Amino acid sequence: MKLTAKGFAIFLMVLTLPALSIAQTDPFGDVDTIYADLAKIDDFNWSVTINYFNDEDVEGLRFL
């Protein structure tokens, strides 16, 4: 079975749809958001700026 780029994209969307729909609800308050901005400083250095909103105390963040 040969998987095309279009088929692979559809496969990824089907896999991520349940996670995305669960992530849009928060039974304990406002929806939590996080943004990561990537910027190139020079040829060897990059910066990552993390912005987040959470209406509760944050005990830890994990990035993979």
Protein backbone atom coordinates (compact mmCIF):
# COMPACT_ATOMS: atom_id res chain seq x y z
CA MET A 1 0.00 0.00 0.00
CA LYS A 2 1.46 3.33 -1.08
CA LEU A 3 0.70 6.36 1.11
CA THR A 4 0.57 9.69 -0.72
CA ALA A 5 1.20 13.09 0.85
CA LYS A 6 -2.53 13.87 0.76
CA GLY A 7 -3.37 10.55 2.39
CA PHE A 8 -0.73 11.10 5.07
CA ALA A 9 -2.11 14.59 5.83
CA ILE A 10 -5.63 13.19 6.19
CA PHE A 11 -4.29 10.42 8.43
CA LEU A 12 -2.58 12.98 10.70
CA MET A 13 -5.73 15.11 10.92
CA VAL A 14 -7.81 12.08 11.91
CA LEU A 15 -5.29 11.20 14.62
CA THR A 16 -5.07 14.72 16.06
CA LEU A 17 -8.78 15.60 15.90
CA PRO A 18 -9.72 14.02 19.27
CA ALA A 19 -6.78 15.71 21.03
CA LEU A 20 -7.64 19.10 19.55
CA SER A 21 -11.29 18.87 20.50
CA ILE A 22 -10.44 17.90 24.09
CA ALA A 23 -7.87 20.69 24.38
CA GLN A 24 -10.48 23.37 23.60
CA THR A 25 -12.46 22.77 26.80
CA ASP A 26 -11.50 23.40 30.41
CA PRO A 27 -14.05 22.33 33.03
CA PHE A 28 -12.26 24.35 35.76
CA GLY A 29 -12.26 27.83 34.17
CA ASP A 30 -10.99 29.60 31.06
CA VAL A 31 -9.35 27.74 28.19
CA ASP A 32 -5.57 27.58 28.69
CA THR A 33 -3.38 28.82 25.85
CA ILE A 34 0.32 28.63 25.05
CA TYR A 35 2.28 30.13 22.16
CA ALA A 36 5.90 29.50 21.19
CA ASP A 37 7.58 32.07 18.94
CA LEU A 38 10.78 30.97 17.21
CA ALA A 39 13.24 33.65 16.04
CA LYS A 40 16.62 33.34 14.36
CA ILE A 41 19.30 35.50 15.98
CA ASP A 42 22.19 34.56 13.69
CA ASP A 43 23.42 31.48 11.80
CA PHE A 44 24.03 29.46 14.97
CA ASN A 45 21.63 30.92 17.56
CA TRP A 46 17.87 30.83 17.85
CA SER A 47 15.48 32.10 20.51
CA VAL A 48 12.20 30.61 21.65
CA THR A 49 9.75 32.88 23.46
CA ILE A 50 7.02 31.10 25.40
CA ASN A 51 3.79 32.99 26.17
CA TYR A 52 0.99 31.33 28.08
CA PHE A 53 -2.28 32.07 29.82
CA ASN A 54 -3.67 29.91 32.57
CA ASP A 55 -6.23 30.96 35.15
CA GLU A 56 -4.84 28.49 37.70
CA ASP A 57 -1.38 27.99 39.24
CA VAL A 58 1.10 26.33 36.87
CA GLU A 59 3.21 23.68 38.55
CA GLY A 60 5.23 22.68 35.52
CA LEU A 61 5.50 22.77 31.73
CA ARG A 62 6.81 20.02 29.49
CA PHE A 63 7.92 20.57 25.90
CA LEU A 64 8.75 17.76 23.54
